Protein backbone atom coordinates (compact mmCIF):
# COMPACT_ATOMS: atom_id res chain seq x y z
CA MET A 1 259.96 211.45 297.21
CA LYS A 2 259.15 209.39 300.03
CA LEU A 3 256.31 206.60 299.81
CA THR A 4 254.79 204.34 302.29
CA VAL A 5 253.69 201.33 301.15
CA ASP A 6 251.20 198.73 302.52
CA HIS A 7 250.52 195.40 300.74
CA LEU A 8 248.08 192.93 301.82
CA THR A 9 247.95 189.55 299.66
CA HIS A 10 245.22 187.14 301.05
CA TYR A 11 244.18 183.63 299.75
CA ARG A 12 241.03 181.28 301.16
CA TYR A 13 240.24 178.13 300.28
CA ASP A 14 237.46 175.85 299.77
CA HIS A 15 239.11 173.02 301.47
CA GLU A 16 242.13 172.50 303.33
CA VAL A 17 245.13 172.71 301.18
CA LYS A 18 247.75 169.88 302.09
CA PHE A 19 250.67 171.58 300.99
CA SER A 20 251.70 175.05 299.12
CA THR A 21 254.77 176.90 297.87
CA GLN A 22 254.84 180.42 297.26
CA TYR A 23 257.48 182.41 295.35
CA LEU A 24 257.74 185.75 297.04
CA ARG A 25 258.67 188.83 294.90
CA LEU A 26 257.85 191.71 297.25
CA THR A 27 261.20 193.15 298.29
CA PRO A 28 262.79 196.20 296.65
CA GLN A 29 265.95 196.52 296.91
CA ASN A 30 268.11 199.40 296.64
CA THR A 31 269.50 201.22 293.93
CA PRO A 32 270.54 204.36 292.23
CA ARG A 33 266.93 205.48 292.11
CA GLN A 34 265.49 204.30 294.99
CA ARG A 35 266.72 203.99 298.66
CA ILE A 36 264.83 201.04 301.31
CA ILE A 37 264.36 203.01 304.30
CA ASP A 38 262.60 200.13 306.23
CA TRP A 39 260.89 197.09 304.90
CA THR A 40 259.29 194.00 306.57
CA LEU A 41 257.21 190.54 305.11
CA THR A 42 254.63 189.59 307.40
CA LEU A 43 254.41 185.69 306.68
CA PRO A 44 252.49 182.67 308.15
CA GLU A 45 255.80 180.62 308.44
CA GLN A 46 259.19 182.00 308.04
CA ALA A 47 260.36 181.90 304.44
CA THR A 48 263.46 180.94 302.52
CA PRO A 49 265.36 184.29 301.41
CA ALA A 50 267.05 183.59 297.80
CA THR A 51 268.23 186.18 294.86
CA ASP A 52 266.86 184.70 291.84
CA GLY A 53 268.38 184.38 288.14
CA PHE A 54 267.54 187.98 287.56
CA GLY A 55 268.90 189.45 290.50
CA ASN A 56 265.83 190.14 292.58
CA ILE A 57 265.08 189.24 296.13
CA LEU A 58 262.77 186.26 296.18
CA HIS A 59 261.03 184.67 299.52
CA VAL A 60 260.16 181.24 299.27
CA LEU A 61 257.57 180.25 301.78
CA THR A 62 256.61 176.70 302.05
CA LEU A 63 253.38 175.44 304.29
CA ASP A 64 253.53 171.96 304.96
CA ARG A 65 250.87 171.60 307.59
CA PRO A 66 247.01 171.49 306.25
CA HIS A 67 245.67 175.43 305.53
CA GLU A 68 242.57 177.10 304.10
CA VAL A 69 244.04 180.79 304.31
CA ILE A 70 247.20 182.18 303.61
CA SER A 71 247.86 186.08 304.22
CA ILE A 72 251.05 188.04 302.80
CA ARG A 73 251.61 191.52 304.36
CA ALA A 74 254.72 193.68 302.65
CA LYS A 75 255.03 196.86 304.26
CA GLY A 76 257.62 199.47 304.36
CA GLN A 77 259.18 202.81 303.47
CA VAL A 78 261.23 203.79 300.31
CA GLU A 79 263.00 207.20 299.37
CA ILE A 80 262.36 207.63 295.50
CA ALA A 81 264.95 210.11 293.84
CA ASP A 82 263.44 213.39 292.33
CA ASP A 83 265.79 213.16 288.86
CA SER A 84 264.94 209.37 288.79
CA GLU A 85 264.86 210.08 284.95
CA SER A 86 268.25 211.23 284.42
CA ILE A 87 269.78 208.83 286.77
CA LEU A 88 271.72 205.81 285.35
CA GLU A 89 270.41 202.29 285.61
CA GLU A 90 272.88 199.51 285.70
CA CYS A 91 273.09 197.01 283.65
CA GLY A 92 272.88 194.11 286.45
CA PRO A 93 274.17 190.64 287.03
CA LEU A 94 272.91 189.53 283.22
CA SER A 95 274.14 190.85 280.40
CA PRO A 96 271.09 193.25 278.49
CA LEU A 97 271.71 190.44 275.21
CA VAL A 98 269.69 187.83 277.50
CA PHE A 99 266.52 190.16 277.33
CA LEU A 100 266.40 189.51 273.54
CA ARG A 101 264.75 186.45 274.27
CA CYS A 102 260.99 186.20 273.40
CA SER A 103 258.84 184.39 276.12
CA PRO A 104 255.78 182.79 275.31
CA LEU A 105 253.48 185.54 276.85
CA THR A 106 255.87 188.30 274.69
CA LEU A 107 256.13 186.21 271.31
CA PRO A 108 255.46 189.13 268.97
CA ASP A 109 253.06 188.27 265.54
CA GLU A 110 253.24 189.54 262.35
CA ALA A 111 250.91 192.83 263.47
CA ILE A 112 252.93 193.70 266.38
CA ARG A 113 255.91 193.52 263.96
CA ASN A 114 254.44 196.15 261.45
CA PHE A 115 253.54 198.16 264.07
CA ALA A 116 256.93 198.12 265.37
CA ALA A 117 258.50 198.68 262.12
CA ARG A 118 255.98 201.52 261.61
CA TYR A 119 257.72 203.91 264.40
CA TYR A 120 261.08 203.03 265.36
CA ARG A 121 263.53 204.79 263.83
CA ALA A 122 267.18 203.66 264.49
CA ASP A 123 268.81 207.29 263.82
CA ALA A 124 266.18 208.53 266.67
CA ALA A 125 265.76 205.55 268.96
CA ASP A 126 265.13 207.25 272.00
CA GLU A 127 262.25 209.82 270.52
CA SER A 128 260.67 206.96 268.35
CA LEU A 129 260.23 204.72 271.35
CA ARG A 130 258.57 207.10 273.12
CA GLU A 131 256.14 207.67 269.96
CA MET A 132 255.73 203.80 269.78
CA MET A 133 254.68 204.16 273.65
CA SER A 134 252.51 206.71 273.18
CA GLU A 135 250.63 205.16 269.49
CA LEU A 136 250.20 202.26 271.57
CA ARG A 137 248.23 203.82 274.64
CA LEU A 138 246.00 205.26 272.07
CA ARG A 139 245.15 201.56 270.63
CA MET A 140 245.65 199.74 274.02
CA PRO A 141 243.35 201.84 276.34
CA TYR A 142 243.37 200.79 279.96
CA THR A 143 240.75 198.69 280.46
CA PRO A 144 239.95 196.43 283.82
CA GLY A 145 238.59 193.38 283.64
CA VAL A 146 238.63 192.24 280.19
CA THR A 147 242.62 190.26 280.19
CA GLN A 148 243.79 187.57 282.20
CA VAL A 149 247.16 187.00 283.39
CA GLN A 150 248.05 184.42 280.60
CA ASP A 151 246.88 186.60 277.78
CA THR A 152 249.28 186.76 275.19
CA ALA A 153 250.62 189.98 273.40
CA ALA A 154 249.62 189.30 270.49
CA LYS A 155 246.13 188.41 271.85
CA VAL A 156 245.57 191.57 273.76
CA PHE A 157 246.95 193.74 270.67
CA ALA A 158 244.54 192.31 268.30
CA ALA A 159 241.80 192.77 271.06
CA ARG A 160 242.82 196.30 271.26
CA HIS A 161 242.74 196.47 275.37
CA GLY A 162 244.16 195.65 278.59
CA VAL A 163 245.58 196.46 281.06
CA CYS A 164 249.35 197.34 282.73
CA GLN A 165 250.89 194.27 282.51
CA ASP A 166 248.97 193.68 278.80
CA HIS A 167 250.91 197.29 277.40
CA ALA A 168 254.31 196.14 278.94
CA HIS A 169 253.50 192.52 277.39
CA VAL A 170 252.96 194.37 273.69
CA PHE A 171 255.72 196.61 274.13
CA LEU A 172 258.51 194.13 274.96
CA ALA A 173 256.78 192.07 271.85
CA CYS A 174 257.42 195.22 269.68
CA CYS A 175 261.27 195.97 271.37
CA ARG A 176 262.15 192.40 270.76
CA SER A 177 260.69 192.25 267.57
CA LEU A 178 263.53 195.11 266.42
CA HIS A 179 266.15 193.35 268.46
CA ILE A 180 266.03 195.81 271.34
CA PRO A 181 266.65 194.66 274.80
CA ALA A 182 263.92 195.11 277.29
CA ARG A 183 262.67 193.76 280.28
CA TYR A 184 259.31 193.23 282.41
CA VAL A 185 258.95 195.60 285.80
CA SER A 186 256.98 195.12 288.31
CA GLY A 187 256.24 197.10 291.40
CA TYR A 188 254.31 200.39 292.80
CA ILE A 189 252.99 203.35 291.47
CA TYR A 190 252.57 206.51 293.76
CA SER A 191 249.51 208.36 292.39
CA GLU A 192 247.16 211.13 293.47
CA ASP A 193 243.90 209.97 291.59
CA THR A 194 242.73 207.96 294.64
CA LYS A 195 240.96 205.30 291.51
CA HIS A 196 244.72 204.33 290.31
CA VAL A 197 246.13 200.78 291.21
CA ALA A 198 248.61 201.00 293.49
CA MET A 199 250.33 197.52 292.18
CA HIS A 200 252.01 198.20 288.80
CA ALA A 201 253.81 197.08 285.69
CA TRP A 202 256.36 198.79 282.95
CA VAL A 203 259.21 198.40 280.73
CA GLU A 204 263.01 198.73 281.08
CA VAL A 205 264.68 199.10 277.39
CA TRP A 206 268.47 198.71 277.12
CA PHE A 207 270.20 201.72 274.94
CA ASP A 208 272.85 204.18 275.38
CA ASP A 209 274.14 201.95 277.55
CA ARG A 210 271.65 202.17 280.19
CA TRP A 211 267.71 200.96 281.24
CA GLN A 212 265.64 203.42 279.87
CA SER A 213 261.86 202.94 281.76
CA PHE A 214 258.67 203.18 279.39
CA ASP A 215 255.94 203.10 281.73
CA ILE A 216 252.85 202.86 278.98
CA THR A 217 249.96 202.74 280.86
CA ASN A 218 250.85 206.36 281.70
CA ASN A 219 252.85 207.38 278.87
CA THR A 220 256.06 208.94 280.55
CA CYS A 221 259.53 207.67 280.67
CA ASN A 222 259.54 209.38 284.15
CA PRO A 223 259.99 206.96 287.19
CA GLY A 224 259.88 209.66 289.96
CA GLN A 225 256.76 207.68 291.17
CA HIS A 226 257.70 204.10 290.48
CA LEU A 227 258.78 201.57 293.02
CA LYS A 228 260.95 198.77 291.43
CA LEU A 229 260.09 194.99 293.16
CA ALA A 230 261.44 192.86 290.37
CA VAL A 231 262.29 192.44 286.42
CA GLY A 232 262.36 189.26 284.39
CA PHE A 233 261.26 188.33 280.68
CA ASP A 234 257.27 188.77 281.69
CA TYR A 235 254.73 188.82 284.21
CA LEU A 236 255.54 184.90 285.25
CA ASP A 237 259.12 186.40 286.18
CA ALA A 238 258.48 189.25 288.12
CA CYS A 239 255.00 188.72 289.30
CA PRO A 240 254.89 189.53 293.75
CA VAL A 241 253.46 186.13 294.40
CA ARG A 242 253.30 182.87 292.47
CA GLY A 243 252.58 179.60 293.79
CA SER A 244 251.50 175.82 293.93
CA ARG A 245 249.82 173.66 295.88
CA ILE A 246 247.84 170.64 296.69
CA GLY A 247 244.11 170.44 297.41
CA GLY A 248 242.06 172.90 298.21
CA GLY A 249 239.11 173.26 295.47
CA TYR A 250 238.17 176.80 294.72
CA GLU A 251 240.92 179.87 295.26
CA GLU A 252 239.75 183.07 296.03
CA MET A 253 242.25 186.00 296.03
CA TYR A 254 242.25 189.41 297.77
CA SER A 255 244.59 191.92 296.99
CA GLU A 256 244.98 195.68 298.64
CA ALA A 257 247.74 197.96 297.75
CA THR A 258 248.25 201.21 299.06
CA VAL A 259 251.19 203.76 298.47
CA GLU A 260 251.34 207.42 299.92
CA GLN A 261 253.39 209.83 299.86
CA THR A 262 254.23 210.15 303.36
CA GLU A 263 255.30 214.06 303.21
CA GLU A 264 252.19 215.01 301.30
CA ARG A 265 250.07 213.00 304.22
CA GLN A 266 252.36 214.84 307.58
CA ALA A 267 251.36 218.10 305.86
CA GLY A 268 247.54 217.35 305.62
CA GLY A 269 247.45 217.00 301.96
CA GLN A 270 246.14 214.12 299.47
CA GLY A 271 247.83 211.11 298.91
CA GLY A 272 248.07 207.37 298.02
CA GLN A 273 245.50 205.15 296.50
CA GLN A 274 244.20 201.66 296.72
CA GLN A 275 243.08 198.76 294.52
């Protein structure tokens, strides 16, 4: 499956920003599951490329002159393997044991620990983790606009609703409470449902010497429609854009992403979704 991505992030400020730095994890990498055909970032200034501690491609955008707007555009085409679920996802630059660590956003409370222990069976790890994923999705229906990026796994689990990043944080807390390495994944997803949000988050769990995908929001372990951007302990490590500034007053942020299946579009079929 070939996917075409167009993702715009636009910031506008009430007053001039004197200085700002944006950390961009908006560039995917080639993996056994995905092949980058072309990818470009359009930025107001040249950014400094780097690799972060998790092995993600990072661009540091520094604006040291006064500005009232910032526009960031990522665009490209990627081919996703049709048999993604069966493809071995390699360990990466860090030991999977690193991802046993709980971050403040993924710290399990007693309710999460009890929930995880109720469903997990060590003698049937894959099956029981899939069951836990399904039960979590039923317990926390997808509900946009009711949570904030700083909400913890314990808070959204108690509230019993959230979006993809909340589902991911709770599932991470469950896995880590069971001493199973798990990491947060940010990226894009293709769906024929035009109401589906293109930006997405899911989880990768380490067992059977591989990283296995768990998309709690869509209740699937098949990443055949997923394009991975970055991984980390939680949202803060892997979010596409994160930054700091001096001045500016109130910030207004607008983000729009489209993901289209290239072949379907060329054939006159239905494709894409918009945030």
